[in-house]
Each structure stands twice: as structure tokens, then as C-alpha cells.
C-alpha atoms as a PDB file:
ATOM      1  CA  UNK A   1      28.412  17.597 245.436  1.00  0.00           C
ATOM      2  CA  UNK A   2      31.073  17.235 248.588  1.00  0.00           C
ATOM      3  CA  UNK A   3      30.528  19.062 251.530  1.00  0.00           C
ATOM      4  CA  UNK A   4      34.740  20.062 251.353  1.00  0.00           C
ATOM      5  CA  UNK A   5      34.212  23.269 249.378  1.00  0.00           C
ATOM      6  CA  UNK A   6      32.021  25.139 249.924  1.00  0.00           C
ATOM      7  CA  UNK A   7      29.210  24.763 247.289  1.00  0.00           C
ATOM      8  CA  UNK A   8      25.635  23.957 248.020  1.00  0.00           C
ATOM      9  CA  UNK A   9      23.469  22.624 245.253  1.00  0.00           C
ATOM     10  CA  UNK A  10      20.240  24.263 246.231  1.00  0.00           C
ATOM     11  CA  UNK A  11      22.166  28.023 246.433  1.00  0.00           C
ATOM     12  CA  UNK A  12      24.533  27.430 243.509  1.00  0.00           C
ATOM     13  CA  UNK A  13      23.827  25.397 240.872  1.00  0.00           C
ATOM     14  CA  UNK A  14      19.993  26.091 240.005  1.00  0.00           C
ATOM     15  CA  UNK A  15      19.174  24.677 236.619  1.00  0.00           C
ATOM     16  CA  UNK A  16      16.160  27.019 235.774  1.00  0.00           C
ATOM     17  CA  UNK A  17      18.999  29.821 234.751  1.00  0.00           C
ATOM     18  CA  UNK A  18      20.614  27.848 232.138  1.00  0.00           C
ATOM     19  CA  UNK A  19      19.928  30.234 229.270  1.00  0.00           C
ATOM     20  CA  UNK A  20      21.247  33.167 231.215  1.00  0.00           C
ATOM     21  CA  UNK A  21      24.447  31.306 232.328  1.00  0.00           C
ATOM     22  CA  UNK A  22      25.082  30.877 228.451  1.00  0.00           C
ATOM     23  CA  UNK A  23      24.803  34.205 227.488  1.00  0.00           C
ATOM     24  CA  UNK A  24      27.077  35.625 230.472  1.00  0.00           C
ATOM     25  CA  UNK A  25      29.622  32.964 229.605  1.00  0.00           C
ATOM     26  CA  UNK A  26      29.628  33.992 225.732  1.00  0.00           C
ATOM     27  CA  UNK A  27      30.573  37.648 227.541  1.00  0.00           C
ATOM     28  CA  UNK A  28      33.236  36.602 229.581  1.00  0.00           C
ATOM     29  CA  UNK A  29      35.236  34.648 227.217  1.00  0.00           C
ATOM     30  CA  UNK A  30      34.386  37.695 224.728  1.00  0.00           C
ATOM     31  CA  UNK A  31      35.879  40.718 227.309  1.00  0.00           C
ATOM     32  CA  UNK A  32      39.114  41.202 226.597  1.00  0.00           C
ATOM     33  CA  UNK A  33      39.076  43.220 230.133  1.00  0.00           C
ATOM     34  CA  UNK A  34      38.087  40.066 231.972  1.00  0.00           C
ATOM     35  CA  UNK A  35      40.278  38.343 234.698  1.00  0.00           C
ATOM     36  CA  UNK A  36      41.079  35.038 235.823  1.00  0.00           C
ATOM     37  CA  UNK A  37      41.836  33.833 239.261  1.00  0.00           C
ATOM     38  CA  UNK A  38      43.009  30.286 240.117  1.00  0.00           C
ATOM     39  CA  UNK A  39      43.586  28.388 243.570  1.00  0.00           C
ATOM     40  CA  UNK A  40      44.846  24.701 243.597  1.00  0.00           C
ATOM     41  CA  UNK A  41      44.088  22.598 246.945  1.00  0.00           C
ATOM     42  CA  UNK A  42      44.872  19.550 247.880  1.00  0.00           C
ATOM     43  CA  UNK A  43      43.833  17.121 250.502  1.00  0.00           C
ATOM     44  CA  UNK A  44      44.863  13.690 251.269  1.00  0.00           C
ATOM     45  CA  UNK A  45      46.331  13.300 248.177  1.00  0.00           C
ATOM     46  CA  UNK A  46      43.574  14.674 245.914  1.00  0.00           C
ATOM     47  CA  UNK A  47      44.054  17.775 244.100  1.00  0.00           C
ATOM     48  CA  UNK A  48      40.998  20.472 243.636  1.00  0.00           C
ATOM     49  CA  UNK A  49      40.541  23.443 241.971  1.00  0.00           C
ATOM     50  CA  UNK A  50      38.567  26.702 242.017  1.00  0.00           C
ATOM     51  CA  UNK A  51      38.639  29.132 239.765  1.00  0.00           C
ATOM     52  CA  UNK A  52      37.010  32.179 238.827  1.00  0.00           C
ATOM     53  CA  UNK A  53      36.798  34.160 235.946  1.00  0.00           C
ATOM     54  CA  UNK A  54      34.700  37.886 236.185  1.00  0.00           C
ATOM     55  CA  UNK A  55      34.086  40.767 233.888  1.00  0.00           C
ATOM     56  CA  UNK A  56      32.498  43.867 234.257  1.00  0.00           C
ATOM     57  CA  UNK A  57      28.643  42.298 233.220  1.00  0.00           C
ATOM     58  CA  UNK A  58      28.964  38.823 235.269  1.00  0.00           C
ATOM     59  CA  UNK A  59      31.208  35.949 236.432  1.00  0.00           C
ATOM     60  CA  UNK A  60      31.934  32.225 236.788  1.00  0.00           C
ATOM     61  CA  UNK A  61      33.118  29.721 239.168  1.00  0.00           C
ATOM     62  CA  UNK A  62      34.671  27.203 238.499  1.00  0.00           C
ATOM     63  CA  UNK A  63      34.848  23.637 240.855  1.00  0.00           C
ATOM     64  CA  UNK A  64      36.885  20.599 240.109  1.00  0.00           C
ATOM     65  CA  UNK A  65      36.205  18.130 243.052  1.00  0.00           C
ATOM     66  CA  UNK A  66      38.168  14.958 242.312  1.00  0.00           C
ATOM     67  CA  UNK A  67      35.080  12.762 244.090  1.00  0.00           C
ATOM     68  CA  UNK A  68      33.050  14.283 241.568  1.00  0.00           C
ATOM     69  CA  UNK A  69      32.734  13.011 238.014  1.00  0.00           C
ATOM     70  CA  UNK A  70      32.509  16.434 236.176  1.00  0.00           C
ATOM     71  CA  UNK A  71      33.327  20.231 236.914  1.00  0.00           C
ATOM     72  CA  UNK A  72      30.687  22.404 238.507  1.00  0.00           C
ATOM     73  CA  UNK A  73      30.047  25.136 237.209  1.00  0.00           C
ATOM     74  CA  UNK A  74      28.122  28.642 238.349  1.00  0.00           C
ATOM     75  CA  UNK A  75      27.664  31.832 236.838  1.00  0.00           C
ATOM     76  CA  UNK A  76      26.968  35.206 238.509  1.00  0.00           C
ATOM     77  CA  UNK A  77      25.343  38.451 236.850  1.00  0.00           C
ATOM     78  CA  UNK A  78      26.887  39.875 239.775  1.00  0.00           C
ATOM     79  CA  UNK A  79      30.508  39.508 239.607  1.00  0.00           C
ATOM     80  CA  UNK A  80      31.353  41.286 243.067  1.00  0.00           C
ATOM     81  CA  UNK A  81      28.968  38.899 244.702  1.00  0.00           C
ATOM     82  CA  UNK A  82      31.069  35.548 242.632  1.00  0.00           C
ATOM     83  CA  UNK A  83      34.198  36.938 244.067  1.00  0.00           C
ATOM     84  CA  UNK A  84      32.870  36.842 247.850  1.00  0.00           C
ATOM     85  CA  UNK A  85      31.279  33.494 247.098  1.00  0.00           C
ATOM     86  CA  UNK A  86      34.948  32.620 245.607  1.00  0.00           C
ATOM     87  CA  UNK A  87      37.051  33.656 249.042  1.00  0.00           C
ATOM     88  CA  UNK A  88      34.098  31.796 251.104  1.00  0.00           C
ATOM     89  CA  UNK A  89      34.633  28.909 249.102  1.00  0.00           C
ATOM     90  CA  UNK A  90      38.186  28.672 249.525  1.00  0.00           C
ATOM     91  CA  UNK A  91      38.213  30.037 253.155  1.00  0.00           C
ATOM     92  CA  UNK A  92      35.670  26.905 254.068  1.00  0.00           C
ATOM     93  CA  UNK A  93      37.848  24.511 252.102  1.00  0.00           C
ATOM     94  CA  UNK A  94      41.160  25.168 254.662  1.00  0.00           C
ATOM     95  CA  UNK A  95      39.279  24.971 257.519  1.00  0.00           C
ATOM     96  CA  UNK A  96      37.929  21.475 256.208  1.00  0.00           C
ATOM     97  CA  UNK A  97      41.328  20.381 255.927  1.00  0.00           C
ATOM     98  CA  UNK A  98      42.147  21.435 252.173  1.00  0.00           C
ATOM     99  CA  UNK A  99      45.668  22.836 252.163  1.00  0.00           C
ATOM    100  CA  UNK A 100      46.211  25.626 249.330  1.00  0.00           C
ATOM    101  CA  UNK A 101      48.820  24.778 246.919  1.00  0.00           C
ATOM    102  CA  UNK A 102      48.395  27.777 244.554  1.00  0.00           C
ATOM    103  CA  UNK A 103      46.422  30.977 244.667  1.00  0.00           C
ATOM    104  CA  UNK A 104      47.323  32.714 241.312  1.00  0.00           C
ATOM    105  CA  UNK A 105      46.870  36.045 241.225  1.00  0.00           C
ATOM    106  CA  UNK A 106      44.562  37.329 238.765  1.00  0.00           C
ATOM    107  CA  UNK A 107      45.079  37.455 235.142  1.00  0.00           C
ATOM    108  CA  UNK A 108      43.511  39.702 232.523  1.00  0.00           C
ATOM    109  CA  UNK A 109      43.114  39.477 228.797  1.00  0.00           C
END
């Protein structure tokens, strides 16, 4: 992973929680009260994306870094913790030279 976005392999993307992650993902997809917020960033003609989908019982953050082959997804049991990491990721990215092009309001449903 790149240092440009505030995601650290050892803290955020752990393989041992894969089964739990699938359960939370299914819950997020089926929860009509879930909310989505997407942020589009730009740096040196590259476009990056950070998105969070949260519900009452969990949340997921997706990062699309143009320098990586695949998007990265981290699932959280605690939606408040995910919101804190999402905000920190945006803040740190801006500090590292990324410019926020779009920071959408949370979409419900």
C-alpha cells in the first residue's frame, strides 16, 4: 500500500477477520438505514477515492488508489471507529498533497 492515503496494512487490512467481514458486508448491503459518503481526491493528475458505508452494526471503508492494482476494503464492527478512520484518512491525504475534489454528503438508504 502507498503511504499517500492514511491506511496501514498492519492496522487496517487484516486477513484473519475475513469471515466476520463477509457477515458485516451482507448486513451493510441489506440495511435500509445505511449511509454512504464518498470523497474524490486528486494529486499529480491521479484520481483517488475514499468511501464509507455505515449502518447501525458496522461499517466499511473502501479506498481506490490509482497506483494499486485493486481497491482496498476494510470492514469495522464499530461504525463510529470507521468514521474516525475515514476522517483521519482524508485529513492525512490532504496533508500529503492530495486535493479534495468532491466530498459528498452522506447518502441514506
